[in-house]
Amino acid sequence: MGILYPFQSKAAIKTLILEDVGFAMECAQIMSSRQTAFEHETKQTVVKNRAGWMSSHAVNGTKLTDKLSQGEELEPNEVARLQEMVSHYSKQLASHFRQEAIQNNPELKAVAEVFSAG
């Protein structure tokens, strides 16, 4: 029997974002953490490093995650907008969660390399 892929797939992450508001909020915070300090402060994407929010999501993504960071509740329409926006980042999030899993269990690095995901 071959080695099974031990990480969350992009499709699984996207589905979970759309079904689980708490997970979507966690993912939104991850996306904001990938912005540079300047990008966060100005609510725009300047560095084209394929990390963090796209230019089209930078303003709303930053505003919504700032509200979450301050402990504010999001309105239902804001939650829906957040879930829709974050669902576009399944590739970045899959990479983030894969790296996190490898950090927590270094043995997974060899498995990731089998799948060219190291």
Protein backbone atom coordinates (compact mmCIF):
# COMPACT_ATOMS: atom_id res chain seq x y z
CA MET A 1 0.00 0.00 0.00
CA GLY A 2 1.33 3.48 -0.90
CA ILE A 3 1.74 6.48 1.32
CA LEU A 4 -1.45 8.45 1.86
CA TYR A 5 -1.35 12.26 1.66
CA PRO A 6 -1.50 13.35 5.32
CA PHE A 7 -2.29 17.03 4.77
CA GLN A 8 -5.51 18.96 4.17
CA SER A 9 -6.23 19.39 0.48
CA LYS A 10 -7.14 22.72 -1.10
CA ALA A 11 -10.64 21.40 -1.81
CA ALA A 12 -11.13 20.24 1.79
CA ILE A 13 -9.97 23.62 3.10
CA LYS A 14 -12.31 25.52 0.78
CA THR A 15 -15.26 23.34 1.80
CA LEU A 16 -14.48 23.79 5.49
CA ILE A 17 -14.19 27.58 5.07
CA LEU A 18 -17.67 27.70 3.54
CA GLU A 19 -19.20 25.36 6.15
CA ASP A 20 -17.43 26.40 9.38
CA VAL A 21 -17.48 30.10 10.30
CA GLY A 22 -14.89 29.62 13.07
CA PHE A 23 -12.46 27.98 10.66
CA ALA A 24 -13.08 30.76 8.10
CA MET A 25 -12.26 33.37 10.75
CA GLU A 26 -9.08 31.50 11.70
CA CYS A 27 -8.07 31.37 8.03
CA ALA A 28 -8.79 35.08 7.60
CA GLN A 29 -6.46 35.84 10.51
CA ILE A 30 -3.79 33.67 8.88
CA MET A 31 -4.19 35.60 5.64
CA SER A 32 -3.85 38.92 7.44
CA SER A 33 -0.75 37.68 9.25
CA ARG A 34 0.85 37.06 5.85
CA GLN A 35 0.58 40.76 4.93
CA THR A 36 3.57 42.98 5.65
CA ALA A 37 3.18 45.52 8.47
CA PHE A 38 3.00 48.34 5.90
CA GLU A 39 0.33 46.50 3.90
CA HIS A 40 -1.71 45.91 7.03
CA GLU A 41 -1.42 49.54 8.11
CA THR A 42 -2.36 50.90 4.68
CA LYS A 43 -4.92 48.16 3.97
CA GLN A 44 -3.45 47.47 0.55
CA THR A 45 -1.25 44.91 -1.11
CA VAL A 46 2.03 46.42 -2.24
CA VAL A 47 4.49 43.55 -2.22
CA LYS A 48 3.70 41.06 -4.99
CA ASN A 49 4.90 38.06 -2.98
CA ARG A 50 1.78 35.88 -3.37
CA ALA A 51 1.37 35.92 0.39
CA GLY A 52 -1.61 37.47 2.13
CA TRP A 53 -4.57 39.23 0.61
CA MET A 54 -4.87 40.00 -3.09
CA SER A 55 -5.20 43.69 -3.88
CA SER A 56 -8.94 43.28 -4.44
CA HIS A 57 -9.42 41.84 -0.92
CA ALA A 58 -6.84 43.83 1.07
CA VAL A 59 -9.14 46.60 2.32
CA ASN A 60 -12.09 44.42 3.33
CA GLY A 61 -9.94 41.54 4.56
CA THR A 62 -7.92 43.84 6.80
CA LYS A 63 -10.98 45.68 8.13
CA LEU A 64 -12.79 42.44 8.97
CA THR A 65 -9.81 40.77 10.62
CA ASP A 66 -9.09 43.94 12.59
CA LYS A 67 -12.64 43.76 13.94
CA LEU A 68 -12.08 40.11 14.90
CA SER A 69 -8.77 40.95 16.56
CA GLN A 70 -10.51 43.61 18.64
CA GLY A 71 -13.10 41.06 19.79
CA GLU A 72 -15.93 42.62 17.79
CA GLU A 73 -18.73 40.50 16.38
CA LEU A 74 -19.15 40.48 12.62
CA GLU A 75 -22.55 41.14 11.08
CA PRO A 76 -24.04 38.22 9.10
CA ASN A 77 -23.26 39.95 5.78
CA GLU A 78 -19.65 40.48 6.93
CA VAL A 79 -19.33 36.81 7.87
CA ALA A 80 -20.59 35.80 4.42
CA ARG A 81 -18.19 38.23 2.72
CA LEU A 82 -15.30 36.94 4.84
CA GLN A 83 -16.07 33.30 3.99
CA GLU A 84 -16.35 34.10 0.29
CA MET A 85 -13.06 36.05 0.26
CA VAL A 86 -11.09 33.51 2.28
CA SER A 87 -12.30 30.64 0.09
CA HIS A 88 -10.09 32.06 -2.69
CA TYR A 89 -6.94 31.34 -0.69
CA SER A 90 -7.07 27.56 -0.34
CA LYS A 91 -3.64 27.18 -1.98
CA GLN A 92 -1.90 29.55 0.46
CA LEU A 93 -3.80 28.05 3.38
CA ALA A 94 -2.95 24.47 2.36
CA SER A 95 0.71 25.48 2.30
CA HIS A 96 0.36 27.18 5.69
CA PHE A 97 -1.31 24.18 7.33
CA ARG A 98 1.18 21.77 5.71
CA GLN A 99 4.14 23.77 7.06
CA GLU A 100 2.48 23.94 10.47
CA ALA A 101 1.96 20.15 10.48
CA ILE A 102 5.60 19.56 9.48
CA GLN A 103 6.76 21.92 12.22
CA ASN A 104 4.70 19.96 14.77
CA ASN A 105 5.82 16.60 13.39
CA PRO A 106 9.16 16.78 11.50
CA GLU A 107 8.70 13.21 10.22
CA LEU A 108 6.04 14.59 7.86
CA LYS A 109 8.73 16.47 5.91
CA ALA A 110 9.82 13.24 4.20
CA VAL A 111 6.21 12.42 3.36
CA ALA A 112 5.67 15.92 1.94
CA GLU A 113 8.73 15.48 -0.27
CA VAL A 114 7.22 12.30 -1.74
CA PHE A 115 4.33 14.46 -2.92
CA SER A 116 6.62 17.37 -3.95
CA ALA A 117 4.99 19.46 -1.25
CA GLY A 118 8.01 19.94 1.01
